[in-house]
PDB file of N, CA and C in Angstrom:
ATOM      1  N   MET A   1      -0.522   7.216  12.176  1.00  0.00           N
ATOM      2  CA  MET A   1      -1.588   6.412  11.637  1.00  0.00           C
ATOM      3  C   MET A   1      -1.148   5.676  10.366  1.00  0.00           C
ATOM      4  N   ASN A   2      -0.390   6.365   9.529  1.00  0.00           N
ATOM      5  CA  ASN A   2       0.111   5.764   8.304  1.00  0.00           C
ATOM      6  C   ASN A   2       1.065   4.610   8.618  1.00  0.00           C
ATOM      7  N   LYS A   3       1.861   4.776   9.679  1.00  0.00           N
ATOM      8  CA  LYS A   3       2.799   3.734  10.094  1.00  0.00           C
ATOM      9  C   LYS A   3       2.047   2.484  10.547  1.00  0.00           C
ATOM     10  N   LEU A   4       0.937   2.681  11.255  1.00  0.00           N
ATOM     11  CA  LEU A   4       0.113   1.560  11.721  1.00  0.00           C
ATOM     12  C   LEU A   4      -0.462   0.777  10.548  1.00  0.00           C
ATOM     13  N   LYS A   5      -0.925   1.477   9.518  1.00  0.00           N
ATOM     14  CA  LYS A   5      -1.454   0.818   8.323  1.00  0.00           C
ATOM     15  C   LYS A   5      -0.371   0.000   7.633  1.00  0.00           C
ATOM     16  N   THR A   6       0.826   0.541   7.560  1.00  0.00           N
ATOM     17  CA  THR A   6       1.936  -0.154   6.909  1.00  0.00           C
ATOM     18  C   THR A   6       2.301  -1.423   7.672  1.00  0.00           C
ATOM     19  N   ILE A   7       2.376  -1.321   8.985  1.00  0.00           N
ATOM     20  CA  ILE A   7       2.708  -2.486   9.807  1.00  0.00           C
ATOM     21  C   ILE A   7       1.609  -3.536   9.706  1.00  0.00           C
ATOM     22  N   SER A   8       0.365  -3.119   9.764  1.00  0.00           N
ATOM     23  CA  SER A   8      -0.759  -4.052   9.657  1.00  0.00           C
ATOM     24  C   SER A   8      -0.739  -4.770   8.317  1.00  0.00           C
ATOM     25  N   SER A   9      -0.480  -4.032   7.255  1.00  0.00           N
ATOM     26  CA  SER A   9      -0.416  -4.638   5.924  1.00  0.00           C
ATOM     27  C   SER A   9       0.710  -5.654   5.830  1.00  0.00           C
ATOM     28  N   ALA A  10       1.854  -5.322   6.396  1.00  0.00           N
ATOM     29  CA  ALA A  10       3.002  -6.234   6.365  1.00  0.00           C
ATOM     30  C   ALA A  10       2.694  -7.527   7.115  1.00  0.00           C
ATOM     31  N   ILE A  11       2.021  -7.420   8.240  1.00  0.00           N
ATOM     32  CA  ILE A  11       1.671  -8.615   9.022  1.00  0.00           C
ATOM     33  C   ILE A  11       0.697  -9.486   8.242  1.00  0.00           C
ATOM     34  N   ILE A  12      -0.300  -8.891   7.651  1.00  0.00           N
ATOM     35  CA  ILE A  12      -1.298  -9.651   6.888  1.00  0.00           C
ATOM     36  C   ILE A  12      -0.654 -10.348   5.703  1.00  0.00           C
ATOM     37  N   ILE A  13       0.204  -9.652   4.982  1.00  0.00           N
ATOM     38  CA  ILE A  13       0.881 -10.256   3.830  1.00  0.00           C
ATOM     39  C   ILE A  13       1.777 -11.407   4.260  1.00  0.00           C
ATOM     40  N   SER A  14       2.484 -11.255   5.374  1.00  0.00           N
ATOM     41  CA  SER A  14       3.357 -12.333   5.832  1.00  0.00           C
ATOM     42  C   SER A  14       2.555 -13.551   6.260  1.00  0.00           C
ATOM     43  N   LEU A  15       1.403 -13.359   6.862  1.00  0.00           N
ATOM     44  CA  LEU A  15       0.558 -14.486   7.255  1.00  0.00           C
ATOM     45  C   LEU A  15       0.017 -15.212   6.034  1.00  0.00           C
ATOM     46  N   ILE A  16      -0.393 -14.475   5.033  1.00  0.00           N
ATOM     47  CA  ILE A  16      -0.892 -15.084   3.804  1.00  0.00           C
ATOM     48  C   ILE A  16       0.222 -15.854   3.117  1.00  0.00           C
ATOM     49  N   THR A  17       1.399 -15.284   3.048  1.00  0.00           N
ATOM     50  CA  THR A  17       2.539 -15.938   2.418  1.00  0.00           C
ATOM     51  C   THR A  17       2.929 -17.196   3.175  1.00  0.00           C
ATOM     52  N   PHE A  18       2.945 -17.138   4.508  1.00  0.00           N
ATOM     53  CA  PHE A  18       3.304 -18.298   5.314  1.00  0.00           C
ATOM     54  C   PHE A  18       2.327 -19.439   5.070  1.00  0.00           C
ATOM     55  N   ASN A  19       1.046 -19.167   5.054  1.00  0.00           N
ATOM     56  CA  ASN A  19       0.036 -20.203   4.854  1.00  0.00           C
ATOM     57  C   ASN A  19       0.056 -20.769   3.445  1.00  0.00           C
ATOM     58  N   ALA A  20       0.571 -20.032   2.486  1.00  0.00           N
ATOM     59  CA  ALA A  20       0.623 -20.512   1.113  1.00  0.00           C
ATOM     60  C   ALA A  20       1.590 -21.685   0.976  1.00  0.00           C
ATOM     61  N   PHE A  21       2.550 -21.819   1.874  1.00  0.00           N
ATOM     62  CA  PHE A  21       3.541 -22.883   1.790  1.00  0.00           C
ATOM     63  C   PHE A  21       3.254 -24.043   2.736  1.00  0.00           C
ATOM     64  N   ALA A  22       2.121 -24.037   3.410  1.00  0.00           N
ATOM     65  CA  ALA A  22       1.785 -25.095   4.351  1.00  0.00           C
ATOM     66  C   ALA A  22       1.392 -26.361   3.600  1.00  0.00           C
ATOM     67  N   ALA A  23       1.862 -27.497   4.085  1.00  0.00           N
ATOM     68  CA  ALA A  23       1.488 -28.781   3.501  1.00  0.00           C
ATOM     69  C   ALA A  23       0.023 -29.060   3.820  1.00  0.00           C
ATOM     70  N   THR A  24      -0.658 -29.727   2.892  1.00  0.00           N
ATOM     71  CA  THR A  24      -2.079 -30.008   3.009  1.00  0.00           C
ATOM     72  C   THR A  24      -2.315 -31.507   2.987  1.00  0.00           C
ATOM     73  N   SER A  25      -3.212 -31.956   3.825  1.00  0.00           N
ATOM     74  CA  SER A  25      -3.600 -33.363   3.844  1.00  0.00           C
ATOM     75  C   SER A  25      -4.452 -33.674   2.610  1.00  0.00           C
ATOM     76  N   VAL A  26      -4.212 -34.839   2.014  1.00  0.00           N
ATOM     77  CA  VAL A  26      -5.005 -35.271   0.859  1.00  0.00           C
ATOM     78  C   VAL A  26      -5.565 -36.660   1.103  1.00  0.00           C
ATOM     79  N   ASP A  27      -6.631 -36.989   0.386  1.00  0.00           N
ATOM     80  CA  ASP A  27      -7.220 -38.321   0.503  1.00  0.00           C
ATOM     81  C   ASP A  27      -6.500 -39.286  -0.445  1.00  0.00           C
ATOM     82  N   THR A  28      -6.829 -40.552  -0.336  1.00  0.00           N
ATOM     83  CA  THR A  28      -6.172 -41.589  -1.133  1.00  0.00           C
ATOM     84  C   THR A  28      -6.351 -41.347  -2.617  1.00  0.00           C
ATOM     85  N   GLN A  29      -7.564 -41.018  -3.033  1.00  0.00           N
ATOM     86  CA  GLN A  29      -7.856 -40.804  -4.450  1.00  0.00           C
ATOM     87  C   GLN A  29      -6.988 -39.681  -5.037  1.00  0.00           C
ATOM     88  N   THR A  30      -6.871 -38.585  -4.326  1.00  0.00           N
ATOM     89  CA  THR A  30      -6.071 -37.456  -4.798  1.00  0.00           C
ATOM     90  C   THR A  30      -4.590 -37.810  -4.824  1.00  0.00           C
ATOM     91  N   SER A  31      -4.143 -38.602  -3.875  1.00  0.00           N
ATOM     92  CA  SER A  31      -2.712 -38.930  -3.797  1.00  0.00           C
ATOM     93  C   SER A  31      -2.223 -39.690  -5.022  1.00  0.00           C
ATOM     94  N   TYR A  32      -3.105 -40.410  -5.717  1.00  0.00           N
ATOM     95  CA  TYR A  32      -2.696 -41.149  -6.911  1.00  0.00           C
ATOM     96  C   TYR A  32      -2.251 -40.217  -8.038  1.00  0.00           C
ATOM     97  N   ARG A  33      -2.728 -38.978  -8.025  1.00  0.00           N
ATOM     98  CA  ARG A  33      -2.387 -38.026  -9.081  1.00  0.00           C
ATOM     99  C   ARG A  33      -1.152 -37.189  -8.741  1.00  0.00           C
ATOM    100  N   LEU A  34      -0.575 -37.400  -7.549  1.00  0.00           N
ATOM    101  CA  LEU A  34       0.558 -36.592  -7.104  1.00  0.00           C
ATOM    102  C   LEU A  34       1.862 -37.370  -7.210  1.00  0.00           C
ATOM    103  N   ASN A  35       2.967 -36.663  -7.104  1.00  0.00           N
ATOM    104  CA  ASN A  35       4.293 -37.262  -7.173  1.00  0.00           C
ATOM    105  C   ASN A  35       4.800 -37.533  -5.754  1.00  0.00           C
ATOM    106  N   LYS A  36       4.871 -38.805  -5.378  1.00  0.00           N
ATOM    107  CA  LYS A  36       5.365 -39.167  -4.044  1.00  0.00           C
ATOM    108  C   LYS A  36       6.853 -38.879  -3.968  1.00  0.00           C
ATOM    109  N   VAL A  37       7.254 -38.146  -2.903  1.00  0.00           N
ATOM    110  CA  VAL A  37       8.664 -37.783  -2.760  1.00  0.00           C
ATOM    111  C   VAL A  37       9.305 -38.367  -1.504  1.00  0.00           C
ATOM    112  N   GLY A  38       8.531 -39.072  -0.689  1.00  0.00           N
ATOM    113  CA  GLY A  38       9.122 -39.662   0.504  1.00  0.00           C
ATOM    114  C   GLY A  38       8.101 -40.077   1.535  1.00  0.00           C
ATOM    115  N   VAL A  39       8.625 -40.393   2.710  1.00  0.00           N
ATOM    116  CA  VAL A  39       7.809 -40.850   3.838  1.00  0.00           C
ATOM    117  C   VAL A  39       8.312 -40.137   5.089  1.00  0.00           C
ATOM    118  N   VAL A  40       7.387 -39.749   5.958  1.00  0.00           N
ATOM    119  CA  VAL A  40       7.751 -39.183   7.254  1.00  0.00           C
ATOM    120  C   VAL A  40       7.023 -39.970   8.337  1.00  0.00           C
ATOM    121  N   SER A  41       7.573 -39.937   9.542  1.00  0.00           N
ATOM    122  CA  SER A  41       6.927 -40.609  10.662  1.00  0.00           C
ATOM    123  C   SER A  41       6.830 -39.656  11.844  1.00  0.00           C
ATOM    124  N   ALA A  42       5.888 -39.934  12.706  1.00  0.00           N
ATOM    125  CA  ALA A  42       5.689 -39.131  13.910  1.00  0.00           C
ATOM    126  C   ALA A  42       5.551 -40.088  15.087  1.00  0.00           C
ATOM    127  N   SER A  43       6.086 -39.696  16.231  1.00  0.00           N
ATOM    128  CA  SER A  43       6.049 -40.559  17.409  1.00  0.00           C
ATOM    129  C   SER A  43       5.661 -39.777  18.649  1.00  0.00           C
ATOM    130  N   ASP A  44       5.156 -40.507  19.625  1.00  0.00           N
ATOM    131  CA  ASP A  44       4.871 -39.993  20.969  1.00  0.00           C
ATOM    132  C   ASP A  44       3.812 -38.893  21.014  1.00  0.00           C
ATOM    133  N   ALA A  45       2.886 -38.883  20.075  1.00  0.00           N
ATOM    134  CA  ALA A  45       1.793 -37.914  20.109  1.00  0.00           C
ATOM    135  C   ALA A  45       0.742 -38.402  21.098  1.00  0.00           C
ATOM    136  N   THR A  46       0.091 -37.474  21.781  1.00  0.00           N
ATOM    137  CA  THR A  46      -0.923 -37.840  22.768  1.00  0.00           C
ATOM    138  C   THR A  46      -2.339 -37.743  22.218  1.00  0.00           C
ATOM    139  N   SER A  47      -2.490 -37.233  20.977  1.00  0.00           N
ATOM    140  CA  SER A  47      -3.806 -37.144  20.350  1.00  0.00           C
ATOM    141  C   SER A  47      -3.635 -37.215  18.833  1.00  0.00           C
ATOM    142  N   LEU A  48      -4.739 -37.452  18.138  1.00  0.00           N
ATOM    143  CA  LEU A  48      -4.688 -37.493  16.681  1.00  0.00           C
ATOM    144  C   LEU A  48      -4.317 -36.127  16.109  1.00  0.00           C
ATOM    145  N   ASN A  49      -4.822 -35.063  16.725  1.00  0.00           N
ATOM    146  CA  ASN A  49      -4.484 -33.717  16.266  1.00  0.00           C
ATOM    147  C   ASN A  49      -2.991 -33.445  16.395  1.00  0.00           C
ATOM    148  N   GLU A  50      -2.415 -33.844  17.512  1.00  0.00           N
ATOM    149  CA  GLU A  50      -0.978 -33.646  17.712  1.00  0.00           C
ATOM    150  C   GLU A  50      -0.175 -34.450  16.698  1.00  0.00           C
ATOM    151  N   LEU A  51      -0.602 -35.683  16.447  1.00  0.00           N
ATOM    152  CA  LEU A  51       0.082 -36.523  15.467  1.00  0.00           C
ATOM    153  C   LEU A  51       0.051 -35.873  14.085  1.00  0.00           C
ATOM    154  N   GLU A  52      -1.106 -35.355  13.701  1.00  0.00           N
ATOM    155  CA  GLU A  52      -1.214 -34.711  12.393  1.00  0.00           C
ATOM    156  C   GLU A  52      -0.349 -33.451  12.313  1.00  0.00           C
ATOM    157  N   LEU A  53      -0.277 -32.688  13.385  1.00  0.00           N
ATOM    158  CA  LEU A  53       0.580 -31.495  13.391  1.00  0.00           C
ATOM    159  C   LEU A  53       2.050 -31.860  13.213  1.00  0.00           C
ATOM    160  N   ILE A  54       2.478 -32.929  13.877  1.00  0.00           N
ATOM    161  CA  ILE A  54       3.868 -33.376  13.754  1.00  0.00           C
ATOM    162  C   ILE A  54       4.158 -33.800  12.312  1.00  0.00           C
ATOM    163  N   VAL A  55       3.244 -34.581  11.732  1.00  0.00           N
ATOM    164  CA  VAL A  55       3.411 -35.030  10.341  1.00  0.00           C
ATOM    165  C   VAL A  55       3.455 -33.825   9.402  1.00  0.00           C
ATOM    166  N   LYS A  56       2.540 -32.878   9.608  1.00  0.00           N
ATOM    167  CA  LYS A  56       2.483 -31.693   8.755  1.00  0.00           C
ATOM    168  C   LYS A  56       3.791 -30.901   8.820  1.00  0.00           C
ATOM    169  N   GLU A  57       4.325 -30.698  10.020  1.00  0.00           N
ATOM    170  CA  GLU A  57       5.585 -29.974  10.179  1.00  0.00           C
ATOM    171  C   GLU A  57       6.733 -30.691   9.470  1.00  0.00           C
ATOM    172  N   LYS A  58       6.792 -32.017   9.620  1.00  0.00           N
ATOM    173  CA  LYS A  58       7.865 -32.777   8.979  1.00  0.00           C
ATOM    174  C   LYS A  58       7.729 -32.748   7.458  1.00  0.00           C
ATOM    175  N   ALA A  59       6.495 -32.809   6.971  1.00  0.00           N
ATOM    176  CA  ALA A  59       6.266 -32.740   5.523  1.00  0.00           C
ATOM    177  C   ALA A  59       6.722 -31.390   4.979  1.00  0.00           C
ATOM    178  N   GLU A  60       6.388 -30.322   5.684  1.00  0.00           N
ATOM    179  CA  GLU A  60       6.793 -28.982   5.256  1.00  0.00           C
ATOM    180  C   GLU A  60       8.307 -28.830   5.269  1.00  0.00           C
ATOM    181  N   LYS A  61       8.969 -29.351   6.307  1.00  0.00           N
ATOM    182  CA  LYS A  61      10.434 -29.275   6.382  1.00  0.00           C
ATOM    183  C   LYS A  61      11.095 -30.052   5.247  1.00  0.00           C
ATOM    184  N   ALA A  62      10.420 -31.109   4.792  1.00  0.00           N
ATOM    185  CA  ALA A  62      10.953 -31.915   3.687  1.00  0.00           C
ATOM    186  C   ALA A  62      10.632 -31.289   2.327  1.00  0.00           C
ATOM    187  N   GLY A  63       9.905 -30.184   2.316  1.00  0.00           N
ATOM    188  CA  GLY A  63       9.581 -29.505   1.065  1.00  0.00           C
ATOM    189  C   GLY A  63       8.353 -30.047   0.362  1.00  0.00           C
ATOM    190  N   ALA A  64       7.543 -30.833   1.059  1.00  0.00           N
ATOM    191  CA  ALA A  64       6.348 -31.407   0.447  1.00  0.00           C
ATOM    192  C   ALA A  64       5.190 -30.411   0.462  1.00  0.00           C
ATOM    193  N   ASP A  65       4.339 -30.532  -0.539  1.00  0.00           N
ATOM    194  CA  ASP A  65       3.134 -29.718  -0.616  1.00  0.00           C
ATOM    195  C   ASP A  65       1.935 -30.426   0.004  1.00  0.00           C
ATOM    196  N   PHE A  66       1.977 -31.759  -0.016  1.00  0.00           N
ATOM    197  CA  PHE A  66       0.861 -32.562   0.463  1.00  0.00           C
ATOM    198  C   PHE A  66       1.360 -33.753   1.276  1.00  0.00           C
ATOM    199  N   TYR A  67       0.486 -34.306   2.107  1.00  0.00           N
ATOM    200  CA  TYR A  67       0.801 -35.525   2.846  1.00  0.00           C
ATOM    201  C   TYR A  67      -0.463 -36.358   3.018  1.00  0.00           C
ATOM    202  N   ARG A  68      -0.265 -37.673   3.195  1.00  0.00           N
ATOM    203  CA  ARG A  68      -1.376 -38.584   3.470  1.00  0.00           C
ATOM    204  C   ARG A  68      -0.929 -39.550   4.555  1.00  0.00           C
ATOM    205  N   ILE A  69      -1.589 -39.486   5.686  1.00  0.00           N
ATOM    206  CA  ILE A  69      -1.259 -40.394   6.792  1.00  0.00           C
ATOM    207  C   ILE A  69      -1.745 -41.787   6.424  1.00  0.00           C
ATOM    208  N   LYS A  70      -0.823 -42.755   6.423  1.00  0.00           N
ATOM    209  CA  LYS A  70      -1.126 -44.121   6.021  1.00  0.00           C
ATOM    210  C   LYS A  70      -1.490 -45.013   7.197  1.00  0.00           C
ATOM    211  N   SER A  71      -0.825 -44.799   8.330  1.00  0.00           N
ATOM    212  CA  SER A  71      -1.104 -45.674   9.466  1.00  0.00           C
ATOM    213  C   SER A  71      -0.887 -44.936  10.780  1.00  0.00           C
ATOM    214  N   ILE A  72      -1.678 -45.347  11.753  1.00  0.00           N
ATOM    215  CA  ILE A  72      -1.564 -44.812  13.114  1.00  0.00           C
ATOM    216  C   ILE A  72      -1.657 -46.000  14.059  1.00  0.00           C
ATOM    217  N   GLN A  73      -0.754 -46.047  15.044  1.00  0.00           N
ATOM    218  CA  GLN A  73      -0.741 -47.126  16.030  1.00  0.00           C
ATOM    219  C   GLN A  73      -0.561 -46.543  17.417  1.00  0.00           C
ATOM    220  N   GLY A  74      -0.988 -47.286  18.414  1.00  0.00           N
ATOM    221  CA  GLY A  74      -0.723 -46.910  19.787  1.00  0.00           C
ATOM    222  C   GLY A  74      -1.970 -46.717  20.617  1.00  0.00           C
ATOM    223  N   ASN A  75      -1.767 -46.622  21.915  1.00  0.00           N
ATOM    224  CA  ASN A  75      -2.852 -46.384  22.856  1.00  0.00           C
ATOM    225  C   ASN A  75      -2.671 -45.022  23.516  1.00  0.00           C
ATOM    226  N   ASN A  76      -1.756 -44.927  24.454  1.00  0.00           N
ATOM    227  CA  ASN A  76      -1.500 -43.657  25.139  1.00  0.00           C
ATOM    228  C   ASN A  76      -0.571 -42.752  24.337  1.00  0.00           C
ATOM    229  N   LYS A  77       0.338 -43.334  23.620  1.00  0.00           N
ATOM    230  CA  LYS A  77       1.259 -42.603  22.740  1.00  0.00           C
ATOM    231  C   LYS A  77       1.037 -43.096  21.323  1.00  0.00           C
ATOM    232  N   LEU A  78       0.721 -42.183  20.421  1.00  0.00           N
ATOM    233  CA  LEU A  78       0.434 -42.553  19.045  1.00  0.00           C
ATOM    234  C   LEU A  78       1.662 -42.406  18.167  1.00  0.00           C
ATOM    235  N   HIS A  79       1.776 -43.298  17.204  1.00  0.00           N
ATOM    236  CA  HIS A  79       2.857 -43.287  16.221  1.00  0.00           C
ATOM    237  C   HIS A  79       2.204 -43.393  14.843  1.00  0.00           C
ATOM    238  N   GLY A  80       2.701 -42.638  13.889  1.00  0.00           N
ATOM    239  CA  GLY A  80       2.099 -42.661  12.561  1.00  0.00           C
ATOM    240  C   GLY A  80       3.126 -42.546  11.458  1.00  0.00           C
ATOM    241  N   ILE A  81       2.706 -42.975  10.270  1.00  0.00           N
ATOM    242  CA  ILE A  81       3.537 -42.904   9.072  1.00  0.00           C
ATOM    243  C   ILE A  81       2.715 -42.230   7.987  1.00  0.00           C
ATOM    244  N   ALA A  82       3.367 -41.345   7.216  1.00  0.00           N
ATOM    245  CA  ALA A  82       2.675 -40.634   6.147  1.00  0.00           C
ATOM    246  C   ALA A  82       3.543 -40.555   4.896  1.00  0.00           C
ATOM    247  N   ASP A  83       2.908 -40.669   3.738  1.00  0.00           N
ATOM    248  CA  ASP A  83       3.578 -40.410   2.480  1.00  0.00           C
ATOM    249  C   ASP A  83       3.519 -38.906   2.238  1.00  0.00           C
ATOM    250  N   ILE A  84       4.570 -38.370   1.614  1.00  0.00           N
ATOM    251  CA  ILE A  84       4.577 -36.943   1.294  1.00  0.00           C
ATOM    252  C   ILE A  84       4.681 -36.783  -0.221  1.00  0.00           C
ATOM    253  N   TYR A  85       4.061 -35.709  -0.729  1.00  0.00           N
ATOM    254  CA  TYR A  85       3.932 -35.498  -2.166  1.00  0.00           C
ATOM    255  C   TYR A  85       4.245 -34.067  -2.564  1.00  0.00           C
ATOM    256  N   ARG A  86       4.588 -33.893  -3.831  1.00  0.00           N
ATOM    257  CA  ARG A  86       4.732 -32.557  -4.441  1.00  0.00           C
ATOM    258  C   ARG A  86       3.816 -32.493  -5.618  1.00  0.00           C
TER     259      ARG A  86
END
């Protein structure tokens, strides 16, 4: 029983830690107060949710804390560009 509590605690802590480093979407007003560190793009997404997930993953890989999607284009396949911030 003690082992189960230890494993459960470790899983919960790792999930909290993982989410603490996730990039967050910000609005235009908030982005003016942040330090822009680059631009990422996403291609071939089939939905807005998928496009945002791709942008979020790329922002996190680039070490950004925040992102703001600037443009989205396409019909069946969506393409987008986002600024990334720290």
